[in-house]
């Protein structure tokens, strides 16, 4: 580490964000053994995420009987999971392995943008997947019409484009603010709340406006998901056969589990009371909502979906199975 604050410009010289060339990320551990342990843990989680999501992408792309709206959106979700974990984890692994904390100014901006882009895309895609489940169970006769190939492509494009615009606006606004509180971030990757703590401007109207729009968008999606699942469960409970109810629940429970994991960890990490905040808790929560879901999502979806499991097995063994 060996770098001290006197090697950097004084606070007076840091009147704007261009007065220094890099940020200092949070050191995950003090001893070399723990640093290498963190490196190995991140490596294991990354490999699990790459393997799981890579298998889903390959299986859905290669299996023609999986070319349905549900699996099309699942493929898109796997792409966002790969993107989000590749945005944050490689730099954390590099810093742990080489015992450093540096990230360049442009690297930090890129990390903020891509993390917001992939996280936003995932949330919008989860909302669309909820709509897919709602139409499948509550309006099965209109499924082909409401979720045609063209409609699915338009919805996926809208999710990616909305996330791109949201990430671009937040990143541009954040990195246009003057920073005068040093360059030490209390997080293992670049995240907007920690960068704003370094800002000289404590009441930036643009950021408050963008935040309000984002909160309304996130809350609107959340309300839509809750309302949809209320309707889904009411419809499922009216299915007369136990086998039919089981099949309906099997298609919904993985999505509900992924949404719950994603929303609960992200919400608690950003809205937890300051009284219970601590560096170790903040680190654990940030890992939970930024690193763990991309590795767990493929497992959650594969456990309950027999078609996906069979297709993955066929792809891995190279055997042809008739469906």
C-alpha atoms as a PDB file:
ATOM      1  CA  UNK A   1       0.000   0.000   0.000  1.00  0.00           C
ATOM      2  CA  UNK A   2       2.673   2.444   1.094  1.00  0.00           C
ATOM      3  CA  UNK A   3       0.768   5.494  -0.162  1.00  0.00           C
ATOM      4  CA  UNK A   4      -0.065   8.339   2.180  1.00  0.00           C
ATOM      5  CA  UNK A   5      -2.291  11.348   1.800  1.00  0.00           C
ATOM      6  CA  UNK A   6       0.639  13.700   1.457  1.00  0.00           C
ATOM      7  CA  UNK A   7       1.387  12.120  -1.931  1.00  0.00           C
ATOM      8  CA  UNK A   8      -1.896  13.503  -3.251  1.00  0.00           C
ATOM      9  CA  UNK A   9      -2.963  17.115  -3.863  1.00  0.00           C
ATOM     10  CA  UNK A  10      -4.183  19.081  -0.913  1.00  0.00           C
ATOM     11  CA  UNK A  11      -7.896  19.570  -0.334  1.00  0.00           C
ATOM     12  CA  UNK A  12      -7.643  23.111  -1.660  1.00  0.00           C
ATOM     13  CA  UNK A  13      -6.161  21.814  -4.901  1.00  0.00           C
ATOM     14  CA  UNK A  14      -8.980  19.289  -5.195  1.00  0.00           C
ATOM     15  CA  UNK A  15     -11.513  21.914  -6.137  1.00  0.00           C
ATOM     16  CA  UNK A  16     -12.822  19.741  -8.918  1.00  0.00           C
ATOM     17  CA  UNK A  17     -12.838  16.102  -9.907  1.00  0.00           C
ATOM     18  CA  UNK A  18     -10.152  16.520 -12.567  1.00  0.00           C
ATOM     19  CA  UNK A  19      -7.459  17.480 -10.022  1.00  0.00           C
ATOM     20  CA  UNK A  20      -6.519  13.857  -9.355  1.00  0.00           C
ATOM     21  CA  UNK A  21      -6.188  10.863 -11.606  1.00  0.00           C
ATOM     22  CA  UNK A  22      -7.407   8.003  -9.443  1.00  0.00           C
ATOM     23  CA  UNK A  23      -9.456   6.861  -6.457  1.00  0.00           C
ATOM     24  CA  UNK A  24      -8.545   4.549  -3.593  1.00  0.00           C
ATOM     25  CA  UNK A  25     -10.885   1.609  -3.119  1.00  0.00           C
ATOM     26  CA  UNK A  26     -11.587  -0.100   0.192  1.00  0.00           C
ATOM     27  CA  UNK A  27      -8.879  -2.509   1.330  1.00  0.00           C
ATOM     28  CA  UNK A  28     -10.637  -5.843   1.900  1.00  0.00           C
ATOM     29  CA  UNK A  29      -8.029  -7.105   4.375  1.00  0.00           C
ATOM     30  CA  UNK A  30      -4.902  -6.023   6.233  1.00  0.00           C
ATOM     31  CA  UNK A  31      -2.872  -9.234   6.098  1.00  0.00           C
ATOM     32  CA  UNK A  32      -1.512 -10.973   3.021  1.00  0.00           C
ATOM     33  CA  UNK A  33      -3.205 -14.254   3.921  1.00  0.00           C
ATOM     34  CA  UNK A  34      -6.648 -12.635   4.127  1.00  0.00           C
ATOM     35  CA  UNK A  35      -6.053 -10.750   0.884  1.00  0.00           C
ATOM     36  CA  UNK A  36      -5.316 -14.012  -0.910  1.00  0.00           C
ATOM     37  CA  UNK A  37      -8.361 -15.591   0.751  1.00  0.00           C
ATOM     38  CA  UNK A  38     -10.563 -12.776  -0.602  1.00  0.00           C
ATOM     39  CA  UNK A  39      -8.972 -13.276  -4.022  1.00  0.00           C
ATOM     40  CA  UNK A  40      -9.811 -16.989  -3.961  1.00  0.00           C
ATOM     41  CA  UNK A  41     -13.387 -16.355  -2.779  1.00  0.00           C
ATOM     42  CA  UNK A  42     -13.997 -13.809  -5.530  1.00  0.00           C
ATOM     43  CA  UNK A  43     -12.397 -16.154  -8.056  1.00  0.00           C
ATOM     44  CA  UNK A  44     -14.682 -19.014  -7.001  1.00  0.00           C
ATOM     45  CA  UNK A  45     -17.815 -16.854  -7.166  1.00  0.00           C
ATOM     46  CA  UNK A  46     -16.770 -15.436 -10.552  1.00  0.00           C
ATOM     47  CA  UNK A  47     -16.146 -18.881 -12.023  1.00  0.00           C
ATOM     48  CA  UNK A  48     -19.504 -20.115 -10.709  1.00  0.00           C
ATOM     49  CA  UNK A  49     -21.265 -17.102 -12.266  1.00  0.00           C
ATOM     50  CA  UNK A  50     -19.413 -17.476 -15.575  1.00  0.00           C
ATOM     51  CA  UNK A  51     -20.105 -21.213 -15.758  1.00  0.00           C
ATOM     52  CA  UNK A  52     -23.766 -21.000 -14.724  1.00  0.00           C
ATOM     53  CA  UNK A  53     -24.733 -18.031 -16.868  1.00  0.00           C
ATOM     54  CA  UNK A  54     -22.604 -19.235 -19.766  1.00  0.00           C
ATOM     55  CA  UNK A  55     -24.412 -22.581 -19.692  1.00  0.00           C
ATOM     56  CA  UNK A  56     -27.815 -20.883 -19.683  1.00  0.00           C
ATOM     57  CA  UNK A  57     -26.889 -18.632 -22.616  1.00  0.00           C
ATOM     58  CA  UNK A  58     -25.459 -21.543 -24.621  1.00  0.00           C
ATOM     59  CA  UNK A  59     -28.354 -23.867 -23.807  1.00  0.00           C
ATOM     60  CA  UNK A  60     -31.106 -21.394 -24.683  1.00  0.00           C
ATOM     61  CA  UNK A  61     -29.306 -20.324 -27.862  1.00  0.00           C
ATOM     62  CA  UNK A  62     -28.700 -23.916 -29.047  1.00  0.00           C
ATOM     63  CA  UNK A  63     -31.962 -25.588 -27.972  1.00  0.00           C
ATOM     64  CA  UNK A  64     -34.775 -24.741 -30.388  1.00  0.00           C
ATOM     65  CA  UNK A  65     -37.487 -26.000 -28.037  1.00  0.00           C
ATOM     66  CA  UNK A  66     -36.374 -23.328 -25.523  1.00  0.00           C
ATOM     67  CA  UNK A  67     -36.997 -20.495 -27.982  1.00  0.00           C
ATOM     68  CA  UNK A  68     -39.941 -19.165 -25.993  1.00  0.00           C
ATOM     69  CA  UNK A  69     -40.492 -15.778 -24.296  1.00  0.00           C
ATOM     70  CA  UNK A  70     -39.603 -17.093 -20.824  1.00  0.00           C
ATOM     71  CA  UNK A  71     -36.243 -18.466 -21.947  1.00  0.00           C
ATOM     72  CA  UNK A  72     -35.544 -15.478 -24.201  1.00  0.00           C
ATOM     73  CA  UNK A  73     -35.798 -13.187 -21.179  1.00  0.00           C
ATOM     74  CA  UNK A  74     -33.790 -15.668 -19.088  1.00  0.00           C
ATOM     75  CA  UNK A  75     -30.998 -15.465 -21.681  1.00  0.00           C
ATOM     76  CA  UNK A  76     -31.064 -11.663 -21.396  1.00  0.00           C
ATOM     77  CA  UNK A  77     -30.979 -11.946 -17.601  1.00  0.00           C
ATOM     78  CA  UNK A  78     -27.925 -14.216 -17.806  1.00  0.00           C
ATOM     79  CA  UNK A  79     -26.189 -11.597 -19.968  1.00  0.00           C
ATOM     80  CA  UNK A  80     -26.826  -8.905 -17.344  1.00  0.00           C
ATOM     81  CA  UNK A  81     -25.515 -11.193 -14.599  1.00  0.00           C
ATOM     82  CA  UNK A  82     -22.319 -11.825 -16.548  1.00  0.00           C
ATOM     83  CA  UNK A  83     -21.917  -8.125 -17.222  1.00  0.00           C
ATOM     84  CA  UNK A  84     -22.460  -7.014 -13.618  1.00  0.00           C
ATOM     85  CA  UNK A  85     -20.028  -9.484 -12.079  1.00  0.00           C
ATOM     86  CA  UNK A  86     -17.390  -8.735 -14.740  1.00  0.00           C
ATOM     87  CA  UNK A  87     -17.711  -5.032 -13.913  1.00  0.00           C
ATOM     88  CA  UNK A  88     -16.886  -5.174 -10.190  1.00  0.00           C
ATOM     89  CA  UNK A  89     -15.102  -8.418  -9.315  1.00  0.00           C
ATOM     90  CA  UNK A  90     -12.004  -8.440 -11.619  1.00  0.00           C
ATOM     91  CA  UNK A  91     -10.721  -5.133 -10.197  1.00  0.00           C
ATOM     92  CA  UNK A  92     -11.326  -6.326  -6.611  1.00  0.00           C
ATOM     93  CA  UNK A  93      -9.427  -9.541  -7.400  1.00  0.00           C
ATOM     94  CA  UNK A  94      -6.585  -7.573  -8.977  1.00  0.00           C
ATOM     95  CA  UNK A  95      -6.285  -5.272  -5.959  1.00  0.00           C
ATOM     96  CA  UNK A  96      -6.378  -8.168  -3.483  1.00  0.00           C
ATOM     97  CA  UNK A  97      -3.779 -10.172  -5.393  1.00  0.00           C
ATOM     98  CA  UNK A  98      -1.380  -7.279  -6.000  1.00  0.00           C
ATOM     99  CA  UNK A  99      -1.947  -5.587  -2.619  1.00  0.00           C
ATOM    100  CA  UNK A 100      -3.103  -2.257  -4.037  1.00  0.00           C
ATOM    101  CA  UNK A 101      -6.171  -0.011  -3.814  1.00  0.00           C
ATOM    102  CA  UNK A 102      -5.897   2.152  -6.925  1.00  0.00           C
ATOM    103  CA  UNK A 103      -8.504   2.560  -9.632  1.00  0.00           C
ATOM    104  CA  UNK A 104      -8.081   5.201 -12.316  1.00  0.00           C
ATOM    105  CA  UNK A 105     -10.523   8.084 -12.641  1.00  0.00           C
ATOM    106  CA  UNK A 106     -11.742   6.849 -16.042  1.00  0.00           C
ATOM    107  CA  UNK A 107     -11.828   3.271 -14.766  1.00  0.00           C
ATOM    108  CA  UNK A 108     -14.010   4.361 -11.861  1.00  0.00           C
ATOM    109  CA  UNK A 109     -16.371   6.226 -14.201  1.00  0.00           C
ATOM    110  CA  UNK A 110     -16.603   3.185 -16.465  1.00  0.00           C
ATOM    111  CA  UNK A 111     -17.272   0.916 -13.474  1.00  0.00           C
ATOM    112  CA  UNK A 112     -20.083   3.178 -12.231  1.00  0.00           C
ATOM    113  CA  UNK A 113     -21.667   3.336 -15.679  1.00  0.00           C
ATOM    114  CA  UNK A 114     -21.540  -0.383 -16.446  1.00  0.00           C
ATOM    115  CA  UNK A 115     -22.631  -1.417 -12.954  1.00  0.00           C
ATOM    116  CA  UNK A 116     -25.683   0.869 -13.135  1.00  0.00           C
ATOM    117  CA  UNK A 117     -26.363  -0.282 -16.684  1.00  0.00           C
ATOM    118  CA  UNK A 118     -26.340  -4.005 -15.890  1.00  0.00           C
ATOM    119  CA  UNK A 119     -28.126  -3.688 -12.538  1.00  0.00           C
ATOM    120  CA  UNK A 120     -30.812  -1.501 -14.113  1.00  0.00           C
ATOM    121  CA  UNK A 121     -31.209  -3.896 -17.048  1.00  0.00           C
ATOM    122  CA  UNK A 122     -31.580  -6.811 -14.650  1.00  0.00           C
ATOM    123  CA  UNK A 123     -34.296  -5.080 -12.646  1.00  0.00           C
ATOM    124  CA  UNK A 124     -36.274  -4.104 -15.756  1.00  0.00           C
ATOM    125  CA  UNK A 125     -35.890  -7.616 -17.185  1.00  0.00           C
ATOM    126  CA  UNK A 126     -37.125  -9.158 -13.928  1.00  0.00           C
ATOM    127  CA  UNK A 127     -40.179  -6.897 -14.192  1.00  0.00           C
ATOM    128  CA  UNK A 128     -40.808  -8.039 -17.778  1.00  0.00           C
ATOM    129  CA  UNK A 129     -40.341 -11.680 -16.745  1.00  0.00           C
ATOM    130  CA  UNK A 130     -42.997 -11.109 -14.095  1.00  0.00           C
ATOM    131  CA  UNK A 131     -45.328  -9.878 -16.851  1.00  0.00           C
ATOM    132  CA  UNK A 132     -44.510 -13.022 -18.843  1.00  0.00           C
ATOM    133  CA  UNK A 133     -45.515 -15.223 -15.891  1.00  0.00           C
ATOM    134  CA  UNK A 134     -48.667 -13.145 -15.334  1.00  0.00           C
ATOM    135  CA  UNK A 135     -49.835 -13.504 -18.947  1.00  0.00           C
ATOM    136  CA  UNK A 136     -48.915 -17.203 -19.013  1.00  0.00           C
ATOM    137  CA  UNK A 137     -51.039 -18.028 -15.957  1.00  0.00           C
ATOM    138  CA  UNK A 138     -53.763 -15.382 -15.895  1.00  0.00           C
ATOM    139  CA  UNK A 139     -54.294 -14.833 -19.646  1.00  0.00           C
ATOM    140  CA  UNK A 140     -53.096 -18.052 -21.329  1.00  0.00           C
ATOM    141  CA  UNK A 141     -55.377 -17.636 -24.365  1.00  0.00           C
ATOM    142  CA  UNK A 142     -53.761 -14.274 -25.172  1.00  0.00           C
ATOM    143  CA  UNK A 143     -50.175 -15.429 -24.558  1.00  0.00           C
ATOM    144  CA  UNK A 144     -49.183 -15.787 -28.226  1.00  0.00           C
ATOM    145  CA  UNK A 145     -50.585 -12.353 -29.034  1.00  0.00           C
ATOM    146  CA  UNK A 146     -49.276 -10.385 -26.050  1.00  0.00           C
ATOM    147  CA  UNK A 147     -45.849 -12.040 -26.079  1.00  0.00           C
ATOM    148  CA  UNK A 148     -45.084 -12.483 -29.747  1.00  0.00           C
ATOM    149  CA  UNK A 149     -41.478 -12.511 -30.928  1.00  0.00           C
ATOM    150  CA  UNK A 150     -41.720  -8.863 -31.956  1.00  0.00           C
ATOM    151  CA  UNK A 151     -43.246  -7.833 -28.610  1.00  0.00           C
ATOM    152  CA  UNK A 152     -40.541  -9.700 -26.654  1.00  0.00           C
ATOM    153  CA  UNK A 153     -37.777  -8.074 -28.713  1.00  0.00           C
ATOM    154  CA  UNK A 154     -39.293  -4.629 -28.162  1.00  0.00           C
ATOM    155  CA  UNK A 155     -39.634  -5.182 -24.393  1.00  0.00           C
ATOM    156  CA  UNK A 156     -36.053  -6.430 -24.062  1.00  0.00           C
ATOM    157  CA  UNK A 157     -34.767  -3.507 -26.142  1.00  0.00           C
ATOM    158  CA  UNK A 158     -36.744  -1.074 -23.979  1.00  0.00           C
ATOM    159  CA  UNK A 159     -35.223  -2.599 -20.813  1.00  0.00           C
ATOM    160  CA  UNK A 160     -31.662  -2.298 -22.116  1.00  0.00           C
ATOM    161  CA  UNK A 161     -32.213   1.208 -23.530  1.00  0.00           C
ATOM    162  CA  UNK A 162     -33.848   2.514 -20.333  1.00  0.00           C
ATOM    163  CA  UNK A 163     -31.004   1.145 -18.219  1.00  0.00           C
ATOM    164  CA  UNK A 164     -28.433   2.646 -20.606  1.00  0.00           C
ATOM    165  CA  UNK A 165     -30.021   6.098 -20.424  1.00  0.00           C
ATOM    166  CA  UNK A 166     -30.369   5.931 -16.632  1.00  0.00           C
ATOM    167  CA  UNK A 167     -26.730   4.853 -16.197  1.00  0.00           C
ATOM    168  CA  UNK A 168     -25.474   7.501 -18.611  1.00  0.00           C
ATOM    169  CA  UNK A 169     -27.320  10.346 -16.877  1.00  0.00           C
ATOM    170  CA  UNK A 170     -26.263   9.326 -13.356  1.00  0.00           C
ATOM    171  CA  UNK A 171     -22.625   8.740 -14.353  1.00  0.00           C
ATOM    172  CA  UNK A 172     -22.332  12.019 -16.257  1.00  0.00           C
ATOM    173  CA  UNK A 173     -23.881  13.965 -13.398  1.00  0.00           C
ATOM    174  CA  UNK A 174     -21.802  12.289 -10.667  1.00  0.00           C
ATOM    175  CA  UNK A 175     -18.467  12.824 -12.397  1.00  0.00           C
ATOM    176  CA  UNK A 176     -19.256  16.446 -13.207  1.00  0.00           C
ATOM    177  CA  UNK A 177     -19.470  17.320  -9.500  1.00  0.00           C
ATOM    178  CA  UNK A 178     -16.525  19.013  -7.753  1.00  0.00           C
ATOM    179  CA  UNK A 179     -14.812  16.667  -5.282  1.00  0.00           C
ATOM    180  CA  UNK A 180     -12.999  18.136  -2.294  1.00  0.00           C
ATOM    181  CA  UNK A 181     -13.139  15.426   0.396  1.00  0.00           C
ATOM    182  CA  UNK A 182     -10.150  13.421  -0.809  1.00  0.00           C
ATOM    183  CA  UNK A 183     -10.275  10.372  -3.072  1.00  0.00           C
ATOM    184  CA  UNK A 184     -10.675   7.506  -0.591  1.00  0.00           C
ATOM    185  CA  UNK A 185     -13.823   5.460  -1.323  1.00  0.00           C
ATOM    186  CA  UNK A 186     -15.249   3.276   1.448  1.00  0.00           C
ATOM    187  CA  UNK A 187     -16.273   0.539  -0.984  1.00  0.00           C
ATOM    188  CA  UNK A 188     -14.488  -2.242  -2.903  1.00  0.00           C
ATOM    189  CA  UNK A 189     -15.880  -0.908  -6.189  1.00  0.00           C
ATOM    190  CA  UNK A 190     -16.916   2.535  -7.437  1.00  0.00           C
ATOM    191  CA  UNK A 191     -20.449   3.320  -6.331  1.00  0.00           C
ATOM    192  CA  UNK A 192     -22.285   6.635  -6.615  1.00  0.00           C
ATOM    193  CA  UNK A 193     -23.229   7.127  -2.911  1.00  0.00           C
ATOM    194  CA  UNK A 194     -19.588   6.807  -1.873  1.00  0.00           C
ATOM    195  CA  UNK A 195     -18.422   9.197  -4.598  1.00  0.00           C
ATOM    196  CA  UNK A 196     -21.073  11.746  -3.581  1.00  0.00           C
ATOM    197  CA  UNK A 197     -19.640  11.701  -0.043  1.00  0.00           C
ATOM    198  CA  UNK A 198     -16.464  13.213  -1.519  1.00  0.00           C
ATOM    199  CA  UNK A 199     -18.362  16.015  -3.230  1.00  0.00           C
ATOM    200  CA  UNK A 200     -18.173  19.666  -2.199  1.00  0.00           C
ATOM    201  CA  UNK A 201     -21.782  20.099  -3.303  1.00  0.00           C
ATOM    202  CA  UNK A 202     -24.092  18.599  -0.668  1.00  0.00           C
ATOM    203  CA  UNK A 203     -27.361  19.646  -2.268  1.00  0.00           C
ATOM    204  CA  UNK A 204     -27.031  19.080  -5.984  1.00  0.00           C
ATOM    205  CA  UNK A 205     -30.426  19.620  -7.607  1.00  0.00           C
ATOM    206  CA  UNK A 206     -29.593  17.606 -10.702  1.00  0.00           C
ATOM    207  CA  UNK A 207     -28.642  14.549  -8.661  1.00  0.00           C
ATOM    208  CA  UNK A 208     -31.735  14.926  -6.473  1.00  0.00           C
ATOM    209  CA  UNK A 209     -33.903  15.154  -9.590  1.00  0.00           C
ATOM    210  CA  UNK A 210     -32.306  12.117 -11.205  1.00  0.00           C
ATOM    211  CA  UNK A 211     -32.581  10.212  -7.934  1.00  0.00           C
ATOM    212  CA  UNK A 212     -36.272  11.067  -7.645  1.00  0.00           C
ATOM    213  CA  UNK A 213     -36.942   9.841 -11.191  1.00  0.00           C
ATOM    214  CA  UNK A 214     -35.008   6.612 -10.538  1.00  0.00           C
ATOM    215  CA  UNK A 215     -36.810   5.985  -7.248  1.00  0.00           C
ATOM    216  CA  UNK A 216     -40.199   6.475  -8.933  1.00  0.00           C
ATOM    217  CA  UNK A 217     -39.193   4.079 -11.714  1.00  0.00           C
ATOM    218  CA  UNK A 218     -37.910   1.431  -9.289  1.00  0.00           C
ATOM    219  CA  UNK A 219     -40.954   1.779  -7.050  1.00  0.00           C
ATOM    220  CA  UNK A 220     -43.292   1.580 -10.051  1.00  0.00           C
ATOM    221  CA  UNK A 221     -41.667  -1.675 -11.188  1.00  0.00           C
ATOM    222  CA  UNK A 222     -41.866  -3.047  -7.642  1.00  0.00           C
ATOM    223  CA  UNK A 223     -45.584  -2.228  -7.372  1.00  0.00           C
ATOM    224  CA  UNK A 224     -46.168  -3.881 -10.746  1.00  0.00           C
ATOM    225  CA  UNK A 225     -44.339  -7.037  -9.597  1.00  0.00           C
ATOM    226  CA  UNK A 226     -46.297  -7.226  -6.338  1.00  0.00           C
ATOM    227  CA  UNK A 227     -49.638  -6.619  -8.086  1.00  0.00           C
ATOM    228  CA  UNK A 228     -48.817  -9.242 -10.744  1.00  0.00           C
ATOM    229  CA  UNK A 229     -47.921 -11.882  -8.175  1.00  0.00           C
ATOM    230  CA  UNK A 230     -51.096 -11.224  -6.215  1.00  0.00           C
ATOM    231  CA  UNK A 231     -53.051 -11.946  -9.394  1.00  0.00           C
ATOM    232  CA  UNK A 232     -50.849 -14.952 -10.219  1.00  0.00           C
ATOM    233  CA  UNK A 233     -51.310 -16.605  -6.825  1.00  0.00           C
ATOM    234  CA  UNK A 234     -55.072 -15.990  -6.914  1.00  0.00           C
ATOM    235  CA  UNK A 235     -55.221 -17.668 -10.335  1.00  0.00           C
ATOM    236  CA  UNK A 236     -52.994 -20.583  -9.267  1.00  0.00           C
ATOM    237  CA  UNK A 237     -55.083 -21.310  -6.176  1.00  0.00           C
ATOM    238  CA  UNK A 238     -58.152 -21.600  -8.418  1.00  0.00           C
ATOM    239  CA  UNK A 239     -56.543 -24.359 -10.522  1.00  0.00           C
ATOM    240  CA  UNK A 240     -58.465 -27.542  -9.614  1.00  0.00           C
ATOM    241  CA  UNK A 241     -55.706 -30.137 -10.072  1.00  0.00           C
ATOM    242  CA  UNK A 242     -52.765 -30.374  -7.695  1.00  0.00           C
ATOM    243  CA  UNK A 243     -50.463 -31.183 -10.616  1.00  0.00           C
ATOM    244  CA  UNK A 244     -51.525 -27.985 -12.396  1.00  0.00           C
ATOM    245  CA  UNK A 245     -50.895 -25.889  -9.301  1.00  0.00           C
ATOM    246  CA  UNK A 246     -47.485 -27.506  -8.841  1.00  0.00           C
ATOM    247  CA  UNK A 247     -46.506 -26.793 -12.451  1.00  0.00           C
ATOM    248  CA  UNK A 248     -47.627 -23.163 -12.180  1.00  0.00           C
ATOM    249  CA  UNK A 249     -45.731 -22.643  -8.933  1.00  0.00           C
ATOM    250  CA  UNK A 250     -42.630 -24.280 -10.431  1.00  0.00           C
ATOM    251  CA  UNK A 251     -42.469 -21.645 -13.161  1.00  0.00           C
ATOM    252  CA  UNK A 252     -43.062 -18.745 -10.746  1.00  0.00           C
ATOM    253  CA  UNK A 253     -41.047 -19.610  -7.646  1.00  0.00           C
ATOM    254  CA  UNK A 254     -37.568 -19.295  -9.253  1.00  0.00           C
ATOM    255  CA  UNK A 255     -38.422 -15.837 -10.571  1.00  0.00           C
ATOM    256  CA  UNK A 256     -39.912 -14.805  -7.230  1.00  0.00           C
ATOM    257  CA  UNK A 257     -36.788 -16.046  -5.416  1.00  0.00           C
ATOM    258  CA  UNK A 258     -34.470 -14.098  -7.741  1.00  0.00           C
ATOM    259  CA  UNK A 259     -36.565 -10.920  -7.395  1.00  0.00           C
ATOM    260  CA  UNK A 260     -36.667 -11.262  -3.605  1.00  0.00           C
ATOM    261  CA  UNK A 261     -32.890 -11.752  -3.349  1.00  0.00           C
ATOM    262  CA  UNK A 262     -32.178  -8.846  -5.700  1.00  0.00           C
ATOM    263  CA  UNK A 263     -34.633  -6.359  -4.189  1.00  0.00           C
ATOM    264  CA  UNK A 264     -34.143  -7.193  -0.488  1.00  0.00           C
ATOM    265  CA  UNK A 265     -30.329  -7.019  -0.488  1.00  0.00           C
ATOM    266  CA  UNK A 266     -30.195  -3.893  -2.673  1.00  0.00           C
ATOM    267  CA  UNK A 267     -32.883  -2.105  -0.673  1.00  0.00           C
ATOM    268  CA  UNK A 268     -31.372  -2.917   2.722  1.00  0.00           C
ATOM    269  CA  UNK A 269     -27.865  -1.952   1.559  1.00  0.00           C
ATOM    270  CA  UNK A 270     -29.050   1.492   0.428  1.00  0.00           C
ATOM    271  CA  UNK A 271     -31.790   2.243   2.982  1.00  0.00           C
ATOM    272  CA  UNK A 272     -30.445   0.720   6.203  1.00  0.00           C
ATOM    273  CA  UNK A 273     -30.483   3.011   9.283  1.00  0.00           C
ATOM    274  CA  UNK A 274     -27.180   4.847   9.908  1.00  0.00           C
ATOM    275  CA  UNK A 275     -27.235   3.569  13.506  1.00  0.00           C
ATOM    276  CA  UNK A 276     -26.474   0.003  12.365  1.00  0.00           C
ATOM    277  CA  UNK A 277     -24.009   0.985   9.672  1.00  0.00           C
ATOM    278  CA  UNK A 278     -20.438  -0.304   9.945  1.00  0.00           C
ATOM    279  CA  UNK A 279     -17.652  -0.929   7.409  1.00  0.00           C
ATOM    280  CA  UNK A 280     -17.900  -4.718   7.758  1.00  0.00           C
ATOM    281  CA  UNK A 281     -21.717  -4.714   7.402  1.00  0.00           C
ATOM    282  CA  UNK A 282     -21.561  -2.344   4.426  1.00  0.00           C
ATOM    283  CA  UNK A 283     -19.007  -4.606   2.745  1.00  0.00           C
ATOM    284  CA  UNK A 284     -21.049  -7.756   3.401  1.00  0.00           C
ATOM    285  CA  UNK A 285     -24.221  -6.150   2.032  1.00  0.00           C
ATOM    286  CA  UNK A 286     -22.492  -4.798  -1.069  1.00  0.00           C
ATOM    287  CA  UNK A 287     -21.132  -8.282  -1.813  1.00  0.00           C
ATOM    288  CA  UNK A 288     -24.612  -9.748  -1.246  1.00  0.00           C
ATOM    289  CA  UNK A 289     -26.377  -7.546  -3.781  1.00  0.00           C
ATOM    290  CA  UNK A 290     -23.591  -7.033  -6.350  1.00  0.00           C
ATOM    291  CA  UNK A 291     -21.648 -10.329  -6.417  1.00  0.00           C
ATOM    292  CA  UNK A 292     -23.786 -13.167  -5.015  1.00  0.00           C
ATOM    293  CA  UNK A 293     -26.967 -12.873  -7.178  1.00  0.00           C
ATOM    294  CA  UNK A 294     -25.169 -13.367 -10.544  1.00  0.00           C
ATOM    295  CA  UNK A 295     -23.723 -16.624  -9.212  1.00  0.00           C
ATOM    296  CA  UNK A 296     -26.965 -17.829  -7.584  1.00  0.00           C
ATOM    297  CA  UNK A 297     -29.478 -16.910 -10.290  1.00  0.00           C
ATOM    298  CA  UNK A 298     -28.538 -19.745 -12.704  1.00  0.00           C
ATOM    299  CA  UNK A 299     -28.758 -22.261  -9.861  1.00  0.00           C
ATOM    300  CA  UNK A 300     -32.154 -20.963  -8.719  1.00  0.00           C
ATOM    301  CA  UNK A 301     -33.608 -21.149 -12.218  1.00  0.00           C
ATOM    302  CA  UNK A 302     -32.087 -24.536 -13.010  1.00  0.00           C
ATOM    303  CA  UNK A 303     -33.276 -26.269  -9.828  1.00  0.00           C
ATOM    304  CA  UNK A 304     -36.995 -25.860 -10.547  1.00  0.00           C
ATOM    305  CA  UNK A 305     -37.102 -25.890 -14.343  1.00  0.00           C
ATOM    306  CA  UNK A 306     -37.096 -29.426 -15.727  1.00  0.00           C
ATOM    307  CA  UNK A 307     -36.888 -28.293 -19.375  1.00  0.00           C
ATOM    308  CA  UNK A 308     -33.812 -26.186 -18.669  1.00  0.00           C
ATOM    309  CA  UNK A 309     -32.132 -28.939 -16.647  1.00  0.00           C
ATOM    310  CA  UNK A 310     -32.742 -31.481 -19.400  1.00  0.00           C
ATOM    311  CA  UNK A 311     -31.454 -29.101 -22.086  1.00  0.00           C
ATOM    312  CA  UNK A 312     -28.316 -28.297 -20.056  1.00  0.00           C
ATOM    313  CA  UNK A 313     -27.673 -32.012 -19.560  1.00  0.00           C
ATOM    314  CA  UNK A 314     -28.137 -32.632 -23.288  1.00  0.00           C
ATOM    315  CA  UNK A 315     -25.739 -29.824 -24.141  1.00  0.00           C
ATOM    316  CA  UNK A 316     -23.129 -31.044 -21.667  1.00  0.00           C
ATOM    317  CA  UNK A 317     -23.296 -34.717 -22.639  1.00  0.00           C
ATOM    318  CA  UNK A 318     -23.747 -34.100 -26.359  1.00  0.00           C
ATOM    319  CA  UNK A 319     -26.627 -36.554 -26.498  1.00  0.00           C
ATOM    320  CA  UNK A 320     -29.791 -35.928 -28.452  1.00  0.00           C
ATOM    321  CA  UNK A 321     -32.955 -36.058 -26.392  1.00  0.00           C
ATOM    322  CA  UNK A 322     -36.397 -35.980 -27.895  1.00  0.00           C
ATOM    323  CA  UNK A 323     -38.816 -33.522 -26.303  1.00  0.00           C
END
